[in-house]
């Protein structure tokens, strides 16, 4: 399912389901409440931070390059 987030100016987004423990859900809702943000904005910010940290992680980059190399070999056969 895709939708347009006009309030944040985002490109079309994909809806996803995430399962959290009760403790995680309560902590997330508390953070969102204190920051006066929707829970979805807090989740998107956390995901963006995680992805950016992987982009800067040399070990992750090496693994990513290895996966790309494997995929190219598969396509070349």
PDB file of N, CA and C in Angstrom:
ATOM      1  N   UNK A   1       0.837  -1.165   0.000  1.00  0.00           N
ATOM      2  CA  UNK A   1       0.000   0.000   0.000  1.00  0.00           C
ATOM      3  C   UNK A   1       0.892   1.240   0.000  1.00  0.00           C
ATOM      4  N   UNK A   2       0.597   2.179  -0.868  1.00  0.00           N
ATOM      5  CA  UNK A   2       1.355   3.411  -0.960  1.00  0.00           C
ATOM      6  C   UNK A   2       0.422   4.588  -0.729  1.00  0.00           C
ATOM      7  N   UNK A   3       0.963   5.648  -0.151  1.00  0.00           N
ATOM      8  CA  UNK A   3       0.167   6.847   0.059  1.00  0.00           C
ATOM      9  C   UNK A   3       1.081   8.056   0.020  1.00  0.00           C
ATOM     10  N   UNK A   4       0.490   9.202  -0.128  1.00  0.00           N
ATOM     11  CA  UNK A   4       1.252  10.444  -0.191  1.00  0.00           C
ATOM     12  C   UNK A   4       1.181  11.136   1.152  1.00  0.00           C
ATOM     13  N   UNK A   5       2.332  11.487   1.687  1.00  0.00           N
ATOM     14  CA  UNK A   5       2.381  12.191   2.971  1.00  0.00           C
ATOM     15  C   UNK A   5       2.506  13.676   2.701  1.00  0.00           C
ATOM     16  N   UNK A   6       1.391  14.335   2.514  1.00  0.00           N
ATOM     17  CA  UNK A   6       1.436  15.751   2.160  1.00  0.00           C
ATOM     18  C   UNK A   6       1.907  16.623   3.317  1.00  0.00           C
ATOM     19  N   UNK A   7       1.680  16.180   4.561  1.00  0.00           N
ATOM     20  CA  UNK A   7       2.057  17.012   5.697  1.00  0.00           C
ATOM     21  C   UNK A   7       3.564  17.076   5.904  1.00  0.00           C
ATOM     22  N   UNK A   8       4.294  16.063   5.451  1.00  0.00           N
ATOM     23  CA  UNK A   8       5.747  16.045   5.621  1.00  0.00           C
ATOM     24  C   UNK A   8       6.470  16.292   4.310  1.00  0.00           C
ATOM     25  N   UNK A   9       5.729  16.373   3.211  1.00  0.00           N
ATOM     26  CA  UNK A   9       6.355  16.593   1.921  1.00  0.00           C
ATOM     27  C   UNK A   9       7.117  15.380   1.422  1.00  0.00           C
ATOM     28  N   UNK A  10       6.831  14.224   1.982  1.00  0.00           N
ATOM     29  CA  UNK A  10       7.532  13.016   1.588  1.00  0.00           C
ATOM     30  C   UNK A  10       7.042  12.511   0.242  1.00  0.00           C
ATOM     31  N   UNK A  11       7.880  11.736  -0.397  1.00  0.00           N
ATOM     32  CA  UNK A  11       7.487  11.039  -1.612  1.00  0.00           C
ATOM     33  C   UNK A  11       6.496   9.944  -1.225  1.00  0.00           C
ATOM     34  N   UNK A  12       5.885   9.301  -2.220  1.00  0.00           N
ATOM     35  CA  UNK A  12       4.986   8.204  -1.883  1.00  0.00           C
ATOM     36  C   UNK A  12       5.686   7.224  -0.941  1.00  0.00           C
ATOM     37  N   UNK A  13       4.972   6.764   0.067  1.00  0.00           N
ATOM     38  CA  UNK A  13       5.559   5.915   1.089  1.00  0.00           C
ATOM     39  C   UNK A  13       4.885   4.555   1.097  1.00  0.00           C
ATOM     40  N   UNK A  14       5.608   3.570   1.539  1.00  0.00           N
ATOM     41  CA  UNK A  14       5.088   2.219   1.668  1.00  0.00           C
ATOM     42  C   UNK A  14       4.704   1.983   3.118  1.00  0.00           C
ATOM     43  N   UNK A  15       3.494   1.529   3.341  1.00  0.00           N
ATOM     44  CA  UNK A  15       3.043   1.196   4.691  1.00  0.00           C
ATOM     45  C   UNK A  15       3.637  -0.150   5.085  1.00  0.00           C
ATOM     46  N   UNK A  16       4.160  -0.230   6.303  1.00  0.00           N
ATOM     47  CA  UNK A  16       4.762  -1.465   6.790  1.00  0.00           C
ATOM     48  C   UNK A  16       4.248  -1.737   8.201  1.00  0.00           C
ATOM     49  N   UNK A  17       4.300  -2.979   8.596  1.00  0.00           N
ATOM     50  CA  UNK A  17       3.900  -3.384   9.940  1.00  0.00           C
ATOM     51  C   UNK A  17       5.154  -3.708  10.737  1.00  0.00           C
ATOM     52  N   UNK A  18       5.217  -3.198  11.947  1.00  0.00           N
ATOM     53  CA  UNK A  18       6.337  -3.466  12.845  1.00  0.00           C
ATOM     54  C   UNK A  18       5.761  -4.009  14.145  1.00  0.00           C
ATOM     55  N   UNK A  19       6.308  -5.100  14.623  1.00  0.00           N
ATOM     56  CA  UNK A  19       5.860  -5.673  15.895  1.00  0.00           C
ATOM     57  C   UNK A  19       6.837  -5.256  16.984  1.00  0.00           C
ATOM     58  N   UNK A  20       6.307  -4.683  18.045  1.00  0.00           N
ATOM     59  CA  UNK A  20       7.110  -4.224  19.168  1.00  0.00           C
ATOM     60  C   UNK A  20       6.657  -4.929  20.438  1.00  0.00           C
ATOM     61  N   UNK A  21       7.572  -5.061  21.375  1.00  0.00           N
ATOM     62  CA  UNK A  21       7.153  -5.534  22.692  1.00  0.00           C
ATOM     63  C   UNK A  21       6.333  -4.414  23.327  1.00  0.00           C
ATOM     64  N   UNK A  22       5.603  -4.757  24.363  1.00  0.00           N
ATOM     65  CA  UNK A  22       4.821  -3.743  25.067  1.00  0.00           C
ATOM     66  C   UNK A  22       5.739  -2.643  25.606  1.00  0.00           C
ATOM     67  N   UNK A  23       6.896  -3.041  26.119  1.00  0.00           N
ATOM     68  CA  UNK A  23       7.849  -2.055  26.657  1.00  0.00           C
ATOM     69  C   UNK A  23       8.360  -1.127  25.563  1.00  0.00           C
ATOM     70  N   UNK A  24       8.687  -1.687  24.389  1.00  0.00           N
ATOM     71  CA  UNK A  24       9.151  -0.849  23.281  1.00  0.00           C
ATOM     72  C   UNK A  24       8.062   0.115  22.842  1.00  0.00           C
ATOM     73  N   UNK A  25       6.835  -0.376  22.739  1.00  0.00           N
ATOM     74  CA  UNK A  25       5.722   0.472  22.306  1.00  0.00           C
ATOM     75  C   UNK A  25       5.491   1.612  23.290  1.00  0.00           C
ATOM     76  N   UNK A  26       5.540   1.305  24.574  1.00  0.00           N
ATOM     77  CA  UNK A  26       5.343   2.353  25.576  1.00  0.00           C
ATOM     78  C   UNK A  26       6.469   3.374  25.531  1.00  0.00           C
ATOM     79  N   UNK A  27       7.707   2.900  25.383  1.00  0.00           N
ATOM     80  CA  UNK A  27       8.846   3.818  25.305  1.00  0.00           C
ATOM     81  C   UNK A  27       8.734   4.703  24.068  1.00  0.00           C
ATOM     82  N   UNK A  28       8.363   4.111  22.949  1.00  0.00           N
ATOM     83  CA  UNK A  28       8.202   4.869  21.710  1.00  0.00           C
ATOM     84  C   UNK A  28       7.113   5.929  21.856  1.00  0.00           C
ATOM     85  N   UNK A  29       5.996   5.546  22.416  1.00  0.00           N
ATOM     86  CA  UNK A  29       4.899   6.498  22.607  1.00  0.00           C
ATOM     87  C   UNK A  29       5.305   7.611  23.570  1.00  0.00           C
ATOM     88  N   UNK A  30       6.093   7.286  24.580  1.00  0.00           N
ATOM     89  CA  UNK A  30       6.563   8.305  25.520  1.00  0.00           C
ATOM     90  C   UNK A  30       7.495   9.294  24.830  1.00  0.00           C
ATOM     91  N   UNK A  31       8.439   8.771  24.060  1.00  0.00           N
ATOM     92  CA  UNK A  31       9.366   9.647  23.323  1.00  0.00           C
ATOM     93  C   UNK A  31       8.569  10.564  22.393  1.00  0.00           C
ATOM     94  N   UNK A  32       7.645   9.997  21.646  1.00  0.00           N
ATOM     95  CA  UNK A  32       6.845  10.802  20.717  1.00  0.00           C
ATOM     96  C   UNK A  32       6.047  11.868  21.458  1.00  0.00           C
ATOM     97  N   UNK A  33       5.495  11.498  22.596  1.00  0.00           N
ATOM     98  CA  UNK A  33       4.709  12.447  23.377  1.00  0.00           C
ATOM     99  C   UNK A  33       5.564  13.594  23.898  1.00  0.00           C
ATOM    100  N   UNK A  34       6.717  13.253  24.461  1.00  0.00           N
ATOM    101  CA  UNK A  34       7.611  14.284  24.999  1.00  0.00           C
ATOM    102  C   UNK A  34       8.103  15.213  23.894  1.00  0.00           C
ATOM    103  N   UNK A  35       8.394  14.651  22.729  1.00  0.00           N
ATOM    104  CA  UNK A  35       8.879  15.459  21.609  1.00  0.00           C
ATOM    105  C   UNK A  35       7.742  16.097  20.821  1.00  0.00           C
ATOM    106  N   UNK A  36       6.501  15.813  21.227  1.00  0.00           N
ATOM    107  CA  UNK A  36       5.318  16.358  20.562  1.00  0.00           C
ATOM    108  C   UNK A  36       5.313  16.045  19.070  1.00  0.00           C
ATOM    109  N   UNK A  37       5.610  14.776  18.767  1.00  0.00           N
ATOM    110  CA  UNK A  37       5.658  14.301  17.387  1.00  0.00           C
ATOM    111  C   UNK A  37       4.779  13.073  17.243  1.00  0.00           C
ATOM    112  N   UNK A  38       4.293  12.814  16.036  1.00  0.00           N
ATOM    113  CA  UNK A  38       3.596  11.551  15.801  1.00  0.00           C
ATOM    114  C   UNK A  38       4.588  10.383  15.939  1.00  0.00           C
ATOM    115  N   UNK A  39       4.104   9.261  16.404  1.00  0.00           N
ATOM    116  CA  UNK A  39       4.949   8.077  16.544  1.00  0.00           C
ATOM    117  C   UNK A  39       5.612   7.742  15.210  1.00  0.00           C
ATOM    118  N   UNK A  40       4.887   7.876  14.122  1.00  0.00           N
ATOM    119  CA  UNK A  40       5.446   7.547  12.806  1.00  0.00           C
ATOM    120  C   UNK A  40       6.654   8.424  12.469  1.00  0.00           C
ATOM    121  N   UNK A  41       6.632   9.691  12.877  1.00  0.00           N
ATOM    122  CA  UNK A  41       7.787  10.568  12.633  1.00  0.00           C
ATOM    123  C   UNK A  41       8.999  10.115  13.437  1.00  0.00           C
ATOM    124  N   UNK A  42       8.778   9.681  14.675  1.00  0.00           N
ATOM    125  CA  UNK A  42       9.875   9.200  15.509  1.00  0.00           C
ATOM    126  C   UNK A  42      10.472   7.931  14.897  1.00  0.00           C
ATOM    127  N   UNK A  43       9.616   7.047  14.412  1.00  0.00           N
ATOM    128  CA  UNK A  43      10.083   5.809  13.775  1.00  0.00           C
ATOM    129  C   UNK A  43      10.884   6.121  12.516  1.00  0.00           C
ATOM    130  N   UNK A  44      10.359   7.017  11.662  1.00  0.00           N
ATOM    131  CA  UNK A  44      11.083   7.370  10.430  1.00  0.00           C
ATOM    132  C   UNK A  44      12.432   7.993  10.752  1.00  0.00           C
ATOM    133  N   UNK A  45      12.501   8.828  11.778  1.00  0.00           N
ATOM    134  CA  UNK A  45      13.773   9.449  12.158  1.00  0.00           C
ATOM    135  C   UNK A  45      14.762   8.389  12.635  1.00  0.00           C
ATOM    136  N   UNK A  46      14.283   7.425  13.407  1.00  0.00           N
ATOM    137  CA  UNK A  46      15.162   6.355  13.895  1.00  0.00           C
ATOM    138  C   UNK A  46      15.677   5.502  12.741  1.00  0.00           C
ATOM    139  N   UNK A  47      14.815   5.207  11.796  1.00  0.00           N
ATOM    140  CA  UNK A  47      15.224   4.424  10.625  1.00  0.00           C
ATOM    141  C   UNK A  47      16.248   5.196   9.807  1.00  0.00           C
ATOM    142  N   UNK A  48      16.004   6.472   9.584  1.00  0.00           N
ATOM    143  CA  UNK A  48      16.951   7.298   8.814  1.00  0.00           C
ATOM    144  C   UNK A  48      18.314   7.340   9.500  1.00  0.00           C
ATOM    145  N   UNK A  49      18.318   7.474  10.820  1.00  0.00           N
ATOM    146  CA  UNK A  49      19.580   7.486  11.574  1.00  0.00           C
ATOM    147  C   UNK A  49      20.293   6.155  11.436  1.00  0.00           C
ATOM    148  N   UNK A  50      19.565   5.060  11.526  1.00  0.00           N
ATOM    149  CA  UNK A  50      20.165   3.729  11.403  1.00  0.00           C
ATOM    150  C   UNK A  50      20.767   3.517  10.016  1.00  0.00           C
ATOM    151  N   UNK A  51      20.021   3.886   8.989  1.00  0.00           N
ATOM    152  CA  UNK A  51      20.517   3.725   7.619  1.00  0.00           C
ATOM    153  C   UNK A  51      21.756   4.576   7.404  1.00  0.00           C
ATOM    154  N   UNK A  52      21.741   5.794   7.876  1.00  0.00           N
ATOM    155  CA  UNK A  52      22.911   6.671   7.718  1.00  0.00           C
ATOM    156  C   UNK A  52      24.125   6.094   8.440  1.00  0.00           C
ATOM    157  N   UNK A  53      23.920   5.507   9.610  1.00  0.00           N
ATOM    158  CA  UNK A  53      25.055   4.912  10.328  1.00  0.00           C
ATOM    159  C   UNK A  53      25.619   3.729   9.550  1.00  0.00           C
ATOM    160  N   UNK A  54      24.768   2.976   8.859  1.00  0.00           N
ATOM    161  CA  UNK A  54      25.255   1.863   8.036  1.00  0.00           C
ATOM    162  C   UNK A  54      26.026   2.388   6.831  1.00  0.00           C
ATOM    163  N   UNK A  55      25.576   3.476   6.262  1.00  0.00           N
ATOM    164  CA  UNK A  55      26.297   4.053   5.116  1.00  0.00           C
ATOM    165  C   UNK A  55      27.714   4.446   5.495  1.00  0.00           C
ATOM    166  N   UNK A  56      27.921   4.799   6.744  1.00  0.00           N
ATOM    167  CA  UNK A  56      29.235   5.231   7.219  1.00  0.00           C
ATOM    168  C   UNK A  56      30.056   4.091   7.824  1.00  0.00           C
ATOM    169  N   UNK A  57      29.481   2.901   7.933  1.00  0.00           N
ATOM    170  CA  UNK A  57      30.129   1.754   8.573  1.00  0.00           C
ATOM    171  C   UNK A  57      30.924   0.958   7.543  1.00  0.00           C
ATOM    172  N   UNK A  58      32.269   0.942   7.659  1.00  0.00           N
ATOM    173  CA  UNK A  58      33.096   0.218   6.678  1.00  0.00           C
ATOM    174  C   UNK A  58      32.782  -1.275   6.608  1.00  0.00           C
ATOM    175  N   UNK A  59      32.472  -1.911   7.729  1.00  0.00           N
ATOM    176  CA  UNK A  59      32.146  -3.334   7.704  1.00  0.00           C
ATOM    177  C   UNK A  59      30.849  -3.592   6.944  1.00  0.00           C
ATOM    178  N   UNK A  60      29.860  -2.732   7.172  1.00  0.00           N
ATOM    179  CA  UNK A  60      28.606  -2.872   6.442  1.00  0.00           C
ATOM    180  C   UNK A  60      28.839  -2.662   4.950  1.00  0.00           C
ATOM    181  N   UNK A  61      29.606  -1.641   4.613  1.00  0.00           N
ATOM    182  CA  UNK A  61      29.893  -1.353   3.205  1.00  0.00           C
ATOM    183  C   UNK A  61      30.594  -2.530   2.529  1.00  0.00           C
ATOM    184  N   UNK A  62      31.520  -3.171   3.239  1.00  0.00           N
ATOM    185  CA  UNK A  62      32.213  -4.334   2.684  1.00  0.00           C
ATOM    186  C   UNK A  62      31.215  -5.463   2.432  1.00  0.00           C
ATOM    187  N   UNK A  63      30.314  -5.681   3.390  1.00  0.00           N
ATOM    188  CA  UNK A  63      29.295  -6.708   3.198  1.00  0.00           C
ATOM    189  C   UNK A  63      28.361  -6.389   2.051  1.00  0.00           C
ATOM    190  N   UNK A  64      28.011  -5.134   1.918  1.00  0.00           N
ATOM    191  CA  UNK A  64      27.146  -4.701   0.829  1.00  0.00           C
ATOM    192  C   UNK A  64      27.822  -4.924  -0.522  1.00  0.00           C
ATOM    193  N   UNK A  65      29.080  -4.548  -0.608  1.00  0.00           N
ATOM    194  CA  UNK A  65      29.824  -4.762  -1.857  1.00  0.00           C
ATOM    195  C   UNK A  65      29.916  -6.237  -2.186  1.00  0.00           C
ATOM    196  N   UNK A  66      30.087  -7.078  -1.169  1.00  0.00           N
ATOM    197  CA  UNK A  66      30.118  -8.526  -1.389  1.00  0.00           C
ATOM    198  C   UNK A  66      28.800  -9.034  -1.932  1.00  0.00           C
ATOM    199  N   UNK A  67      27.685  -8.550  -1.386  1.00  0.00           N
ATOM    200  CA  UNK A  67      26.361  -8.960  -1.878  1.00  0.00           C
ATOM    201  C   UNK A  67      26.147  -8.516  -3.318  1.00  0.00           C
ATOM    202  N   UNK A  68      26.576  -7.297  -3.626  1.00  0.00           N
ATOM    203  CA  UNK A  68      26.431  -6.791  -5.004  1.00  0.00           C
ATOM    204  C   UNK A  68      27.249  -7.649  -5.951  1.00  0.00           C
ATOM    205  N   UNK A  69      28.455  -8.000  -5.536  1.00  0.00           N
ATOM    206  CA  UNK A  69      29.317  -8.844  -6.364  1.00  0.00           C
ATOM    207  C   UNK A  69      28.674 -10.207  -6.601  1.00  0.00           C
ATOM    208  N   UNK A  70      28.099 -10.798  -5.567  1.00  0.00           N
ATOM    209  CA  UNK A  70      27.425 -12.089  -5.707  1.00  0.00           C
ATOM    210  C   UNK A  70      26.252 -11.986  -6.676  1.00  0.00           C
ATOM    211  N   UNK A  71      25.490 -10.923  -6.569  1.00  0.00           N
ATOM    212  CA  UNK A  71      24.333 -10.742  -7.448  1.00  0.00           C
ATOM    213  C   UNK A  71      24.780 -10.601  -8.909  1.00  0.00           C
ATOM    214  N   UNK A  72      25.882  -9.853  -9.128  1.00  0.00           N
ATOM    215  CA  UNK A  72      26.386  -9.686 -10.496  1.00  0.00           C
ATOM    216  C   UNK A  72      26.824 -11.021 -11.083  1.00  0.00           C
ATOM    217  N   UNK A  73      27.497 -11.835 -10.267  1.00  0.00           N
ATOM    218  CA  UNK A  73      27.927 -13.161 -10.736  1.00  0.00           C
ATOM    219  C   UNK A  73      26.732 -14.017 -11.106  1.00  0.00           C
ATOM    220  N   UNK A  74      25.680 -13.946 -10.304  1.00  0.00           N
ATOM    221  CA  UNK A  74      24.472 -14.709 -10.583  1.00  0.00           C
ATOM    222  C   UNK A  74      23.849 -14.260 -11.910  1.00  0.00           C
ATOM    223  N   UNK A  75      23.818 -12.955 -12.134  1.00  0.00           N
ATOM    224  CA  UNK A  75      23.221 -12.431 -13.366  1.00  0.00           C
ATOM    225  C   UNK A  75      24.066 -12.739 -14.588  1.00  0.00           C
ATOM    226  N   UNK A  76      25.371 -12.849 -14.415  1.00  0.00           N
ATOM    227  CA  UNK A  76      26.272 -13.085 -15.541  1.00  0.00           C
ATOM    228  C   UNK A  76      26.224 -14.539 -16.034  1.00  0.00           C
ATOM    229  N   UNK A  77      25.679 -15.438 -15.232  1.00  0.00           N
ATOM    230  CA  UNK A  77      25.660 -16.844 -15.648  1.00  0.00           C
ATOM    231  C   UNK A  77      24.484 -17.178 -16.489  1.00  0.00           C
TER     232      UNK A  77
END
